[in-house]
C-alpha cells in the first residue's frame, strides 16, 4: 500500500473512531426503553438512538438528557412528565426538535409507527 493510501485510510478512520460507537470514554448508561430504542452510537460526545414505537405501544417512565430528535415518520403521541396530565402532539416527518432533559412516559396513540433518531449530547 502506498504512503498516500495509508494516509487517506488513516484520515477516513478518524471520524469512525470518534463517532462510530467506540466506547473508550463513555460510561455505560442504561437504555431508556430497550424494547423500542436501539442504541446505534455511544461515544464520548453523543448517544444516538433509533427509536421505533408501534401504534398503541407505551414506553414506561424513562429519562433523556438534552438532545435533538429527528422525525422520520408522521406520528401522534402522548407524553406525561412526573405523573402529570397526558399531553398529545402530532409530529411530521422531517421535523427536527431540541429537547431539554426530561423524565417522562410516552405512548403512540396514532395509526402509524413513530420512527425517530434521537441524538443525546454528553
PDB file of N, CA and C in Angstrom:
ATOM      1  N   UNK A   1       0.853  -1.173   0.000  1.00  0.00           N
ATOM      2  CA  UNK A   1       0.000   0.000   0.000  1.00  0.00           C
ATOM      3  C   UNK A   1       0.897   1.234   0.000  1.00  0.00           C
ATOM      4  N   UNK A   2       0.558   2.207  -0.792  1.00  0.00           N
ATOM      5  CA  UNK A   2       1.381   3.399  -0.880  1.00  0.00           C
ATOM      6  C   UNK A   2       1.189   4.278   0.349  1.00  0.00           C
ATOM      7  N   UNK A   3       2.123   5.167   0.579  1.00  0.00           N
ATOM      8  CA  UNK A   3       2.035   6.085   1.715  1.00  0.00           C
ATOM      9  C   UNK A   3       0.788   6.945   1.609  1.00  0.00           C
ATOM     10  N   UNK A   4       0.475   7.389   0.412  1.00  0.00           N
ATOM     11  CA  UNK A   4      -0.720   8.221   0.210  1.00  0.00           C
ATOM     12  C   UNK A   4      -1.991   7.458   0.604  1.00  0.00           C
ATOM     13  N   UNK A   5      -2.084   6.206   0.218  1.00  0.00           N
ATOM     14  CA  UNK A   5      -3.263   5.408   0.576  1.00  0.00           C
ATOM     15  C   UNK A   5      -3.336   5.181   2.081  1.00  0.00           C
ATOM     16  N   UNK A   6      -2.215   4.979   2.714  1.00  0.00           N
ATOM     17  CA  UNK A   6      -2.200   4.814   4.177  1.00  0.00           C
ATOM     18  C   UNK A   6      -2.691   6.079   4.872  1.00  0.00           C
ATOM     19  N   UNK A   7      -2.263   7.232   4.380  1.00  0.00           N
ATOM     20  CA  UNK A   7      -2.697   8.498   4.970  1.00  0.00           C
ATOM     21  C   UNK A   7      -4.202   8.677   4.774  1.00  0.00           C
ATOM     22  N   UNK A   8      -4.699   8.416   3.565  1.00  0.00           N
ATOM     23  CA  UNK A   8      -6.129   8.546   3.294  1.00  0.00           C
ATOM     24  C   UNK A   8      -6.924   7.585   4.176  1.00  0.00           C
ATOM     25  N   UNK A   9      -6.464   6.349   4.306  1.00  0.00           N
ATOM     26  CA  UNK A   9      -7.148   5.371   5.162  1.00  0.00           C
ATOM     27  C   UNK A   9      -7.160   5.833   6.613  1.00  0.00           C
ATOM     28  N   UNK A  10      -6.049   6.397   7.077  1.00  0.00           N
ATOM     29  CA  UNK A  10      -5.983   6.900   8.450  1.00  0.00           C
ATOM     30  C   UNK A  10      -6.922   8.066   8.684  1.00  0.00           C
ATOM     31  N   UNK A  11      -6.960   8.997   7.744  1.00  0.00           N
ATOM     32  CA  UNK A  11      -7.848  10.151   7.861  1.00  0.00           C
ATOM     33  C   UNK A  11      -9.310   9.702   7.848  1.00  0.00           C
ATOM     34  N   UNK A  12      -9.648   8.741   7.016  1.00  0.00           N
ATOM     35  CA  UNK A  12     -11.024   8.236   6.960  1.00  0.00           C
ATOM     36  C   UNK A  12     -11.402   7.477   8.226  1.00  0.00           C
ATOM     37  N   UNK A  13     -10.436   6.870   8.887  1.00  0.00           N
ATOM     38  CA  UNK A  13     -10.723   6.091  10.095  1.00  0.00           C
ATOM     39  C   UNK A  13     -11.022   6.973  11.299  1.00  0.00           C
ATOM     40  N   UNK A  14     -10.486   8.191  11.333  1.00  0.00           N
ATOM     41  CA  UNK A  14     -10.675   9.060  12.499  1.00  0.00           C
ATOM     42  C   UNK A  14     -12.153   9.335  12.790  1.00  0.00           C
ATOM     43  N   UNK A  15     -12.972   9.771  11.809  1.00  0.00           N
ATOM     44  CA  UNK A  15     -14.392  10.000  12.130  1.00  0.00           C
ATOM     45  C   UNK A  15     -15.099   8.736  12.615  1.00  0.00           C
ATOM     46  N   UNK A  16     -14.727   7.592  12.065  1.00  0.00           N
ATOM     47  CA  UNK A  16     -15.348   6.344  12.501  1.00  0.00           C
ATOM     48  C   UNK A  16     -15.011   6.086  13.965  1.00  0.00           C
ATOM     49  N   UNK A  17     -13.770   6.311  14.342  1.00  0.00           N
ATOM     50  CA  UNK A  17     -13.378   6.101  15.730  1.00  0.00           C
ATOM     51  C   UNK A  17     -14.044   7.105  16.667  1.00  0.00           C
ATOM     52  N   UNK A  18     -14.182   8.344  16.213  1.00  0.00           N
ATOM     53  CA  UNK A  18     -14.780   9.371  17.070  1.00  0.00           C
ATOM     54  C   UNK A  18     -16.288   9.199  17.163  1.00  0.00           C
ATOM     55  N   UNK A  19     -16.959   8.981  16.027  1.00  0.00           N
ATOM     56  CA  UNK A  19     -18.420   8.985  16.004  1.00  0.00           C
ATOM     57  C   UNK A  19     -19.044   7.606  15.803  1.00  0.00           C
ATOM     58  N   UNK A  20     -18.258   6.590  15.630  1.00  0.00           N
ATOM     59  CA  UNK A  20     -18.796   5.295  15.242  1.00  0.00           C
ATOM     60  C   UNK A  20     -19.070   4.326  16.357  1.00  0.00           C
ATOM     61  N   UNK A  21     -19.247   4.785  17.563  1.00  0.00           N
ATOM     62  CA  UNK A  21     -19.665   3.884  18.616  1.00  0.00           C
ATOM     63  C   UNK A  21     -18.530   3.350  19.465  1.00  0.00           C
ATOM     64  N   UNK A  22     -17.343   3.915  19.391  1.00  0.00           N
ATOM     65  CA  UNK A  22     -16.247   3.474  20.236  1.00  0.00           C
ATOM     66  C   UNK A  22     -16.534   3.888  21.672  1.00  0.00           C
ATOM     67  N   UNK A  23     -16.352   3.001  22.599  1.00  0.00           N
ATOM     68  CA  UNK A  23     -16.731   3.240  23.993  1.00  0.00           C
ATOM     69  C   UNK A  23     -15.521   3.527  24.883  1.00  0.00           C
ATOM     70  N   UNK A  24     -14.489   4.146  24.350  1.00  0.00           N
ATOM     71  CA  UNK A  24     -13.282   4.375  25.136  1.00  0.00           C
ATOM     72  C   UNK A  24     -13.517   5.294  26.322  1.00  0.00           C
ATOM     73  N   UNK A  25     -14.352   6.330  26.152  1.00  0.00           N
ATOM     74  CA  UNK A  25     -14.532   7.323  27.192  1.00  0.00           C
ATOM     75  C   UNK A  25     -15.946   7.356  27.760  1.00  0.00           C
ATOM     76  N   UNK A  26     -16.853   6.657  27.139  1.00  0.00           N
ATOM     77  CA  UNK A  26     -18.260   6.759  27.520  1.00  0.00           C
ATOM     78  C   UNK A  26     -18.620   5.770  28.614  1.00  0.00           C
ATOM     79  N   UNK A  27     -19.286   6.258  29.640  1.00  0.00           N
ATOM     80  CA  UNK A  27     -19.823   5.376  30.674  1.00  0.00           C
ATOM     81  C   UNK A  27     -21.071   4.709  30.124  1.00  0.00           C
ATOM     82  N   UNK A  28     -21.285   3.474  30.501  1.00  0.00           N
ATOM     83  CA  UNK A  28     -22.453   2.754  30.019  1.00  0.00           C
ATOM     84  C   UNK A  28     -23.670   3.105  30.863  1.00  0.00           C
ATOM     85  N   UNK A  29     -24.540   3.908  30.330  1.00  0.00           N
ATOM     86  CA  UNK A  29     -25.794   4.251  30.998  1.00  0.00           C
ATOM     87  C   UNK A  29     -26.854   3.254  30.535  1.00  0.00           C
ATOM     88  N   UNK A  30     -27.860   3.005  31.360  1.00  0.00           N
ATOM     89  CA  UNK A  30     -28.908   2.081  30.937  1.00  0.00           C
ATOM     90  C   UNK A  30     -29.690   2.640  29.750  1.00  0.00           C
ATOM     91  N   UNK A  31     -30.223   1.734  28.937  1.00  0.00           N
ATOM     92  CA  UNK A  31     -31.058   2.162  27.818  1.00  0.00           C
ATOM     93  C   UNK A  31     -32.372   2.688  28.351  1.00  0.00           C
ATOM     94  N   UNK A  32     -32.870   3.814  27.808  1.00  0.00           N
ATOM     95  CA  UNK A  32     -34.111   4.401  28.311  1.00  0.00           C
ATOM     96  C   UNK A  32     -35.321   3.475  28.167  1.00  0.00           C
ATOM     97  N   UNK A  33     -35.499   2.863  27.011  1.00  0.00           N
ATOM     98  CA  UNK A  33     -36.644   1.980  26.745  1.00  0.00           C
ATOM     99  C   UNK A  33     -36.162   0.896  25.775  1.00  0.00           C
ATOM    100  N   UNK A  34     -35.549  -0.163  26.301  1.00  0.00           N
ATOM    101  CA  UNK A  34     -34.868  -1.133  25.433  1.00  0.00           C
ATOM    102  C   UNK A  34     -35.756  -1.844  24.410  1.00  0.00           C
ATOM    103  N   UNK A  35     -37.057  -1.916  24.633  1.00  0.00           N
ATOM    104  CA  UNK A  35     -37.935  -2.576  23.662  1.00  0.00           C
ATOM    105  C   UNK A  35     -38.166  -1.739  22.413  1.00  0.00           C
ATOM    106  N   UNK A  36     -38.042  -0.430  22.520  1.00  0.00           N
ATOM    107  CA  UNK A  36     -38.346   0.450  21.394  1.00  0.00           C
ATOM    108  C   UNK A  36     -37.165   1.310  20.952  1.00  0.00           C
ATOM    109  N   UNK A  37     -36.108   1.376  21.772  1.00  0.00           N
ATOM    110  CA  UNK A  37     -34.994   2.272  21.477  1.00  0.00           C
ATOM    111  C   UNK A  37     -33.701   1.471  21.310  1.00  0.00           C
ATOM    112  N   UNK A  38     -33.157   1.511  20.097  1.00  0.00           N
ATOM    113  CA  UNK A  38     -31.925   0.790  19.794  1.00  0.00           C
ATOM    114  C   UNK A  38     -30.757   1.780  19.805  1.00  0.00           C
ATOM    115  N   UNK A  39     -29.772   1.523  20.628  1.00  0.00           N
ATOM    116  CA  UNK A  39     -28.579   2.367  20.694  1.00  0.00           C
ATOM    117  C   UNK A  39     -27.710   2.063  19.477  1.00  0.00           C
ATOM    118  N   UNK A  40     -27.423   3.092  18.665  1.00  0.00           N
ATOM    119  CA  UNK A  40     -26.619   2.879  17.458  1.00  0.00           C
ATOM    120  C   UNK A  40     -25.234   3.505  17.548  1.00  0.00           C
ATOM    121  N   UNK A  41     -25.079   4.532  18.373  1.00  0.00           N
ATOM    122  CA  UNK A  41     -23.757   5.135  18.608  1.00  0.00           C
ATOM    123  C   UNK A  41     -23.689   5.556  20.070  1.00  0.00           C
ATOM    124  N   UNK A  42     -22.571   5.247  20.698  1.00  0.00           N
ATOM    125  CA  UNK A  42     -22.322   5.700  22.076  1.00  0.00           C
ATOM    126  C   UNK A  42     -20.833   5.953  22.187  1.00  0.00           C
ATOM    127  N   UNK A  43     -20.465   7.225  22.279  1.00  0.00           N
ATOM    128  CA  UNK A  43     -19.055   7.559  22.435  1.00  0.00           C
ATOM    129  C   UNK A  43     -18.913   8.681  23.451  1.00  0.00           C
ATOM    130  N   UNK A  44     -17.785   9.321  23.492  1.00  0.00           N
ATOM    131  CA  UNK A  44     -17.520  10.353  24.492  1.00  0.00           C
ATOM    132  C   UNK A  44     -18.361  11.608  24.291  1.00  0.00           C
ATOM    133  N   UNK A  45     -18.971  11.770  23.129  1.00  0.00           N
ATOM    134  CA  UNK A  45     -19.669  13.007  22.797  1.00  0.00           C
ATOM    135  C   UNK A  45     -21.181  12.869  22.712  1.00  0.00           C
ATOM    136  N   UNK A  46     -21.659  11.749  22.179  1.00  0.00           N
ATOM    137  CA  UNK A  46     -23.091  11.571  21.934  1.00  0.00           C
ATOM    138  C   UNK A  46     -23.526  10.128  22.179  1.00  0.00           C
ATOM    139  N   UNK A  47     -24.855   9.991  22.394  1.00  0.00           N
ATOM    140  CA  UNK A  47     -25.525   8.694  22.268  1.00  0.00           C
ATOM    141  C   UNK A  47     -26.607   8.917  21.228  1.00  0.00           C
ATOM    142  N   UNK A  48     -26.689   8.019  20.251  1.00  0.00           N
ATOM    143  CA  UNK A  48     -27.667   8.136  19.187  1.00  0.00           C
ATOM    144  C   UNK A  48     -28.562   6.896  19.229  1.00  0.00           C
ATOM    145  N   UNK A  49     -29.872   7.133  19.223  1.00  0.00           N
ATOM    146  CA  UNK A  49     -30.855   6.061  19.277  1.00  0.00           C
ATOM    147  C   UNK A  49     -31.700   6.043  18.017  1.00  0.00           C
ATOM    148  N   UNK A  50     -32.009   4.849  17.551  1.00  0.00           N
ATOM    149  CA  UNK A  50     -33.021   4.633  16.517  1.00  0.00           C
ATOM    150  C   UNK A  50     -34.255   4.178  17.279  1.00  0.00           C
ATOM    151  N   UNK A  51     -35.273   5.030  17.315  1.00  0.00           N
ATOM    152  CA  UNK A  51     -36.461   4.773  18.130  1.00  0.00           C
ATOM    153  C   UNK A  51     -37.634   4.429  17.218  1.00  0.00           C
ATOM    154  N   UNK A  52     -38.250   3.292  17.500  1.00  0.00           N
ATOM    155  CA  UNK A  52     -39.414   2.822  16.739  1.00  0.00           C
ATOM    156  C   UNK A  52     -40.485   2.378  17.727  1.00  0.00           C
ATOM    157  N   UNK A  53     -41.580   3.132  17.743  1.00  0.00           N
ATOM    158  CA  UNK A  53     -42.686   2.822  18.653  1.00  0.00           C
ATOM    159  C   UNK A  53     -43.913   2.496  17.801  1.00  0.00           C
ATOM    160  N   UNK A  54     -44.339   1.229  17.790  1.00  0.00           N
ATOM    161  CA  UNK A  54     -45.517   0.861  17.004  1.00  0.00           C
ATOM    162  C   UNK A  54     -46.788   1.516  17.553  1.00  0.00           C
ATOM    163  N   UNK A  55     -47.824   1.624  16.728  1.00  0.00           N
ATOM    164  CA  UNK A  55     -49.105   2.177  17.204  1.00  0.00           C
ATOM    165  C   UNK A  55     -49.602   1.406  18.423  1.00  0.00           C
ATOM    166  N   UNK A  56     -50.088   2.163  19.416  1.00  0.00           N
ATOM    167  CA  UNK A  56     -50.656   1.554  20.615  1.00  0.00           C
ATOM    168  C   UNK A  56     -49.653   1.164  21.684  1.00  0.00           C
ATOM    169  N   UNK A  57     -48.365   1.302  21.418  1.00  0.00           N
ATOM    170  CA  UNK A  57     -47.343   0.894  22.383  1.00  0.00           C
ATOM    171  C   UNK A  57     -46.984   2.049  23.308  1.00  0.00           C
ATOM    172  N   UNK A  58     -46.798   1.716  24.586  1.00  0.00           N
ATOM    173  CA  UNK A  58     -46.426   2.706  25.600  1.00  0.00           C
ATOM    174  C   UNK A  58     -45.009   2.427  26.082  1.00  0.00           C
ATOM    175  N   UNK A  59     -44.241   3.490  26.240  1.00  0.00           N
ATOM    176  CA  UNK A  59     -42.910   3.394  26.845  1.00  0.00           C
ATOM    177  C   UNK A  59     -43.043   3.780  28.316  1.00  0.00           C
ATOM    178  N   UNK A  60     -42.551   2.921  29.196  1.00  0.00           N
ATOM    179  CA  UNK A  60     -42.593   3.197  30.631  1.00  0.00           C
ATOM    180  C   UNK A  60     -41.745   4.423  30.956  1.00  0.00           C
ATOM    181  N   UNK A  61     -41.875   4.904  32.166  1.00  0.00           N
ATOM    182  CA  UNK A  61     -41.139   6.095  32.624  1.00  0.00           C
ATOM    183  C   UNK A  61     -39.639   5.884  32.396  1.00  0.00           C
ATOM    184  N   UNK A  62     -39.024   6.866  31.729  1.00  0.00           N
ATOM    185  CA  UNK A  62     -37.584   6.823  31.448  1.00  0.00           C
ATOM    186  C   UNK A  62     -37.072   8.253  31.287  1.00  0.00           C
ATOM    187  N   UNK A  63     -35.758   8.402  31.238  1.00  0.00           N
ATOM    188  CA  UNK A  63     -35.144   9.741  31.185  1.00  0.00           C
ATOM    189  C   UNK A  63     -34.272   9.900  29.953  1.00  0.00           C
ATOM    190  N   UNK A  64     -34.166  11.159  29.518  1.00  0.00           N
ATOM    191  CA  UNK A  64     -33.273  11.555  28.432  1.00  0.00           C
ATOM    192  C   UNK A  64     -32.524  12.815  28.865  1.00  0.00           C
ATOM    193  N   UNK A  65     -31.239  12.923  28.554  1.00  0.00           N
ATOM    194  CA  UNK A  65     -30.560  14.211  28.710  1.00  0.00           C
ATOM    195  C   UNK A  65     -30.957  15.125  27.547  1.00  0.00           C
ATOM    196  N   UNK A  66     -30.410  16.329  27.495  1.00  0.00           N
ATOM    197  CA  UNK A  66     -30.743  17.229  26.389  1.00  0.00           C
ATOM    198  C   UNK A  66     -30.253  16.637  25.069  1.00  0.00           C
ATOM    199  N   UNK A  67     -30.955  16.999  23.995  1.00  0.00           N
ATOM    200  CA  UNK A  67     -30.578  16.457  22.696  1.00  0.00           C
ATOM    201  C   UNK A  67     -31.514  16.902  21.590  1.00  0.00           C
ATOM    202  N   UNK A  68     -31.338  16.275  20.438  1.00  0.00           N
ATOM    203  CA  UNK A  68     -32.090  16.604  19.236  1.00  0.00           C
ATOM    204  C   UNK A  68     -32.829  15.355  18.765  1.00  0.00           C
ATOM    205  N   UNK A  69     -34.082  15.539  18.330  1.00  0.00           N
ATOM    206  CA  UNK A  69     -34.864  14.439  17.780  1.00  0.00           C
ATOM    207  C   UNK A  69     -35.223  14.773  16.333  1.00  0.00           C
ATOM    208  N   UNK A  70     -34.998  13.810  15.438  1.00  0.00           N
ATOM    209  CA  UNK A  70     -35.318  13.957  14.021  1.00  0.00           C
ATOM    210  C   UNK A  70     -36.403  12.933  13.686  1.00  0.00           C
ATOM    211  N   UNK A  71     -37.577  13.416  13.272  1.00  0.00           N
ATOM    212  CA  UNK A  71     -38.696  12.534  12.949  1.00  0.00           C
ATOM    213  C   UNK A  71     -38.538  11.974  11.538  1.00  0.00           C
ATOM    214  N   UNK A  72     -38.653  10.654  11.426  1.00  0.00           N
ATOM    215  CA  UNK A  72     -38.569  10.001  10.127  1.00  0.00           C
ATOM    216  C   UNK A  72     -39.950   9.619   9.594  1.00  0.00           C
ATOM    217  N   UNK A  73     -40.972   9.683  10.451  1.00  0.00           N
ATOM    218  CA  UNK A  73     -42.356   9.415  10.043  1.00  0.00           C
ATOM    219  C   UNK A  73     -43.277  10.447  10.682  1.00  0.00           C
ATOM    220  N   UNK A  74     -44.475  10.581  10.131  1.00  0.00           N
ATOM    221  CA  UNK A  74     -45.537  11.333  10.812  1.00  0.00           C
ATOM    222  C   UNK A  74     -46.063  10.433  11.920  1.00  0.00           C
ATOM    223  N   UNK A  75     -46.356  11.002  13.092  1.00  0.00           N
ATOM    224  CA  UNK A  75     -46.914  10.187  14.175  1.00  0.00           C
ATOM    225  C   UNK A  75     -47.631  11.072  15.183  1.00  0.00           C
ATOM    226  N   UNK A  76     -48.497  10.420  15.952  1.00  0.00           N
ATOM    227  CA  UNK A  76     -49.224  11.072  17.041  1.00  0.00           C
ATOM    228  C   UNK A  76     -48.846  10.363  18.328  1.00  0.00           C
ATOM    229  N   UNK A  77     -48.471  11.146  19.330  1.00  0.00           N
ATOM    230  CA  UNK A  77     -48.144  10.522  20.615  1.00  0.00           C
ATOM    231  C   UNK A  77     -48.626  11.381  21.765  1.00  0.00           C
ATOM    232  N   UNK A  78     -48.578  10.783  22.939  1.00  0.00           N
ATOM    233  CA  UNK A  78     -48.878  11.483  24.184  1.00  0.00           C
ATOM    234  C   UNK A  78     -47.712  11.249  25.129  1.00  0.00           C
ATOM    235  N   UNK A  79     -47.384  12.295  25.889  1.00  0.00           N
ATOM    236  CA  UNK A  79     -46.330  12.184  26.895  1.00  0.00           C
ATOM    237  C   UNK A  79     -46.858  12.703  28.220  1.00  0.00           C
ATOM    238  N   UNK A  80     -46.255  12.178  29.282  1.00  0.00           N
ATOM    239  CA  UNK A  80     -46.619  12.628  30.627  1.00  0.00           C
ATOM    240  C   UNK A  80     -45.338  12.761  31.430  1.00  0.00           C
ATOM    241  N   UNK A  81     -45.162  13.928  32.040  1.00  0.00           N
ATOM    242  CA  UNK A  81     -43.979  14.220  32.844  1.00  0.00           C
ATOM    243  C   UNK A  81     -44.364  14.163  34.315  1.00  0.00           C
ATOM    244  N   UNK A  82     -43.591  13.400  35.087  1.00  0.00           N
ATOM    245  CA  UNK A  82     -43.764  13.323  36.545  1.00  0.00           C
ATOM    246  C   UNK A  82     -45.196  13.050  36.985  1.00  0.00           C
ATOM    247  N   UNK A  83     -45.877  12.141  36.315  1.00  0.00           N
ATOM    248  CA  UNK A  83     -47.228  11.769  36.718  1.00  0.00           C
ATOM    249  C   UNK A  83     -48.283  12.825  36.474  1.00  0.00           C
ATOM    250  N   UNK A  84     -47.953  13.864  35.723  1.00  0.00           N
ATOM    251  CA  UNK A  84     -48.916  14.924  35.413  1.00  0.00           C
ATOM    252  C   UNK A  84     -49.921  14.470  34.369  1.00  0.00           C
ATOM    253  N   UNK A  85     -50.505  15.434  33.687  1.00  0.00           N
ATOM    254  CA  UNK A  85     -51.510  15.084  32.684  1.00  0.00           C
ATOM    255  C   UNK A  85     -50.828  14.681  31.371  1.00  0.00           C
ATOM    256  N   UNK A  86     -51.523  13.852  30.603  1.00  0.00           N
ATOM    257  CA  UNK A  86     -51.031  13.438  29.293  1.00  0.00           C
ATOM    258  C   UNK A  86     -51.186  14.602  28.314  1.00  0.00           C
ATOM    259  N   UNK A  87     -50.157  14.848  27.517  1.00  0.00           N
ATOM    260  CA  UNK A  87     -50.178  15.910  26.508  1.00  0.00           C
ATOM    261  C   UNK A  87     -50.013  15.257  25.141  1.00  0.00           C
ATOM    262  N   UNK A  88     -50.984  15.522  24.264  1.00  0.00           N
ATOM    263  CA  UNK A  88     -50.980  14.926  22.925  1.00  0.00           C
ATOM    264  C   UNK A  88     -50.265  15.864  21.955  1.00  0.00           C
ATOM    265  N   UNK A  89     -49.529  15.268  20.995  1.00  0.00           N
ATOM    266  CA  UNK A  89     -48.892  16.074  19.957  1.00  0.00           C
ATOM    267  C   UNK A  89     -48.844  15.300  18.647  1.00  0.00           C
ATOM    268  N   UNK A  90     -48.745  16.049  17.565  1.00  0.00           N
ATOM    269  CA  UNK A  90     -48.580  15.467  16.234  1.00  0.00           C
ATOM    270  C   UNK A  90     -47.229  15.930  15.707  1.00  0.00           C
ATOM    271  N   UNK A  91     -46.470  15.002  15.157  1.00  0.00           N
ATOM    272  CA  UNK A  91     -45.160  15.327  14.600  1.00  0.00           C
ATOM    273  C   UNK A  91     -45.142  14.892  13.144  1.00  0.00           C
ATOM    274  N   UNK A  92     -44.564  15.736  12.296  1.00  0.00           N
ATOM    275  CA  UNK A  92     -44.467  15.429  10.867  1.00  0.00           C
ATOM    276  C   UNK A  92     -43.065  14.929  10.536  1.00  0.00           C
ATOM    277  N   UNK A  93     -42.984  14.020   9.592  1.00  0.00           N
ATOM    278  CA  UNK A  93     -41.693  13.526   9.115  1.00  0.00           C
ATOM    279  C   UNK A  93     -40.827  14.710   8.695  1.00  0.00           C
ATOM    280  N   UNK A  94     -39.570  14.673   9.102  1.00  0.00           N
ATOM    281  CA  UNK A  94     -38.649  15.755   8.762  1.00  0.00           C
ATOM    282  C   UNK A  94     -38.496  16.804   9.840  1.00  0.00           C
ATOM    283  N   UNK A  95     -39.406  16.824  10.824  1.00  0.00           N
ATOM    284  CA  UNK A  95     -39.277  17.805  11.910  1.00  0.00           C
ATOM    285  C   UNK A  95     -38.043  17.494  12.747  1.00  0.00           C
ATOM    286  N   UNK A  96     -37.354  18.550  13.128  1.00  0.00           N
ATOM    287  CA  UNK A  96     -36.181  18.442  13.994  1.00  0.00           C
ATOM    288  C   UNK A  96     -36.477  19.271  15.232  1.00  0.00           C
ATOM    289  N   UNK A  97     -36.370  18.641  16.400  1.00  0.00           N
ATOM    290  CA  UNK A  97     -36.732  19.324  17.643  1.00  0.00           C
ATOM    291  C   UNK A  97     -35.604  19.227  18.666  1.00  0.00           C
ATOM    292  N   UNK A  98     -35.363  20.333  19.359  1.00  0.00           N
ATOM    293  CA  UNK A  98     -34.459  20.363  20.505  1.00  0.00           C
ATOM    294  C   UNK A  98     -35.255  19.936  21.734  1.00  0.00           C
ATOM    295  N   UNK A  99     -34.650  19.174  22.619  1.00  0.00           N
ATOM    296  CA  UNK A  99     -35.331  18.743  23.841  1.00  0.00           C
ATOM    297  C   UNK A  99     -34.420  18.926  25.043  1.00  0.00           C
ATOM    298  N   UNK A 100     -34.958  19.561  26.058  1.00  0.00           N
ATOM    299  CA  UNK A 100     -34.253  19.684  27.329  1.00  0.00           C
ATOM    300  C   UNK A 100     -34.320  18.335  28.059  1.00  0.00           C
ATOM    301  N   UNK A 101     -33.502  18.136  29.102  1.00  0.00           N
ATOM    302  CA  UNK A 101     -33.567  16.875  29.854  1.00  0.00           C
ATOM    303  C   UNK A 101     -34.986  16.634  30.369  1.00  0.00           C
ATOM    304  N   UNK A 102     -35.409  15.361  30.332  1.00  0.00           N
ATOM    305  CA  UNK A 102     -36.768  15.042  30.729  1.00  0.00           C
ATOM    306  C   UNK A 102     -36.836  13.616  31.269  1.00  0.00           C
ATOM    307  N   UNK A 103     -37.731  13.425  32.222  1.00  0.00           N
ATOM    308  CA  UNK A 103     -38.140  12.099  32.648  1.00  0.00           C
ATOM    309  C   UNK A 103     -39.627  12.027  32.356  1.00  0.00           C
ATOM    310  N   UNK A 104     -40.026  11.043  31.547  1.00  0.00           N
ATOM    311  CA  UNK A 104     -41.405  11.008  31.083  1.00  0.00           C
ATOM    312  C   UNK A 104     -41.861   9.597  30.736  1.00  0.00           C
ATOM    313  N   UNK A 105     -43.161   9.474  30.512  1.00  0.00           N
ATOM    314  CA  UNK A 105     -43.774   8.299  29.906  1.00  0.00           C
ATOM    315  C   UNK A 105     -44.249   8.749  28.536  1.00  0.00           C
ATOM    316  N   UNK A 106     -44.302   7.837  27.589  1.00  0.00           N
ATOM    317  CA  UNK A 106     -44.779   8.203  26.253  1.00  0.00           C
ATOM    318  C   UNK A 106     -45.558   7.038  25.663  1.00  0.00           C
ATOM    319  N   UNK A 107     -46.529   7.385  24.811  1.00  0.00           N
ATOM    320  CA  UNK A 107     -47.275   6.335  24.125  1.00  0.00           C
ATOM    321  C   UNK A 107     -47.663   6.811  22.731  1.00  0.00           C
ATOM    322  N   UNK A 108     -47.621   5.887  21.797  1.00  0.00           N
ATOM    323  CA  UNK A 108     -48.014   6.165  20.423  1.00  0.00           C
ATOM    324  C   UNK A 108     -49.522   5.969  20.334  1.00  0.00           C
ATOM    325  N   UNK A 109     -50.250   7.056  20.109  1.00  0.00           N
ATOM    326  CA  UNK A 109     -51.709   6.997  20.069  1.00  0.00           C
ATOM    327  C   UNK A 109     -52.252   7.102  18.645  1.00  0.00           C
ATOM    328  N   UNK A 110     -51.352   7.077  17.665  1.00  0.00           N
ATOM    329  CA  UNK A 110     -51.783   7.194  16.279  1.00  0.00           C
ATOM    330  C   UNK A 110     -51.866   5.844  15.585  1.00  0.00           C
ATOM    331  N   UNK A 111     -52.001   5.895  14.257  1.00  0.00           N
ATOM    332  CA  UNK A 111     -52.128   4.690  13.444  1.00  0.00           C
ATOM    333  C   UNK A 111     -50.827   4.327  12.739  1.00  0.00           C
ATOM    334  N   UNK A 112     -49.782   5.150  12.919  1.00  0.00           N
ATOM    335  CA  UNK A 112     -48.501   4.896  12.247  1.00  0.00           C
ATOM    336  C   UNK A 112     -47.394   4.715  13.271  1.00  0.00           C
ATOM    337  N   UNK A 113     -46.345   4.014  12.846  1.00  0.00           N
ATOM    338  CA  UNK A 113     -45.181   3.838  13.707  1.00  0.00           C
ATOM    339  C   UNK A 113     -44.495   5.183  13.945  1.00  0.00           C
ATOM    340  N   UNK A 114     -44.090   5.419  15.179  1.00  0.00           N
ATOM    341  CA  UNK A 114     -43.257   6.575  15.500  1.00  0.00           C
ATOM    342  C   UNK A 114     -41.824   6.132  15.249  1.00  0.00           C
ATOM    343  N   UNK A 115     -41.175   6.745  14.268  1.00  0.00           N
ATOM    344  CA  UNK A 115     -39.779   6.414  13.974  1.00  0.00           C
ATOM    345  C   UNK A 115     -38.973   7.701  14.015  1.00  0.00           C
ATOM    346  N   UNK A 116     -38.050   7.778  14.973  1.00  0.00           N
ATOM    347  CA  UNK A 116     -37.210   8.965  15.138  1.00  0.00           C
ATOM    348  C   UNK A 116     -35.778   8.552  15.395  1.00  0.00           C
ATOM    349  N   UNK A 117     -34.889   9.472  15.105  1.00  0.00           N
ATOM    350  CA  UNK A 117     -33.490   9.367  15.523  1.00  0.00           C
ATOM    351  C   UNK A 117     -33.311  10.402  16.619  1.00  0.00           C
ATOM    352  N   UNK A 118     -32.803   9.964  17.765  1.00  0.00           N
ATOM    353  CA  UNK A 118     -32.562  10.879  18.891  1.00  0.00           C
ATOM    354  C   UNK A 118     -31.069  10.951  19.133  1.00  0.00           C
ATOM    355  N   UNK A 119     -30.540  12.165  19.166  1.00  0.00           N
ATOM    356  CA  UNK A 119     -29.110  12.411  19.388  1.00  0.00           C
ATOM    357  C   UNK A 119     -28.995  13.110  20.727  1.00  0.00           C
ATOM    358  N   UNK A 120     -28.436  12.397  21.703  1.00  0.00           N
ATOM    359  CA  UNK A 120     -28.290  12.937  23.048  1.00  0.00           C
ATOM    360  C   UNK A 120     -26.843  13.378  23.255  1.00  0.00           C
ATOM    361  N   UNK A 121     -26.678  14.613  23.688  1.00  0.00           N
ATOM    362  CA  UNK A 121     -25.344  15.171  23.901  1.00  0.00           C
ATOM    363  C   UNK A 121     -24.831  14.816  25.287  1.00  0.00           C
ATOM    364  N   UNK A 122     -23.548  14.600  25.384  1.00  0.00           N
ATOM    365  CA  UNK A 122     -22.937  14.294  26.684  1.00  0.00           C
ATOM    366  C   UNK A 122     -22.204  15.499  27.212  1.00  0.00           C
TER     367      UNK A 122
END
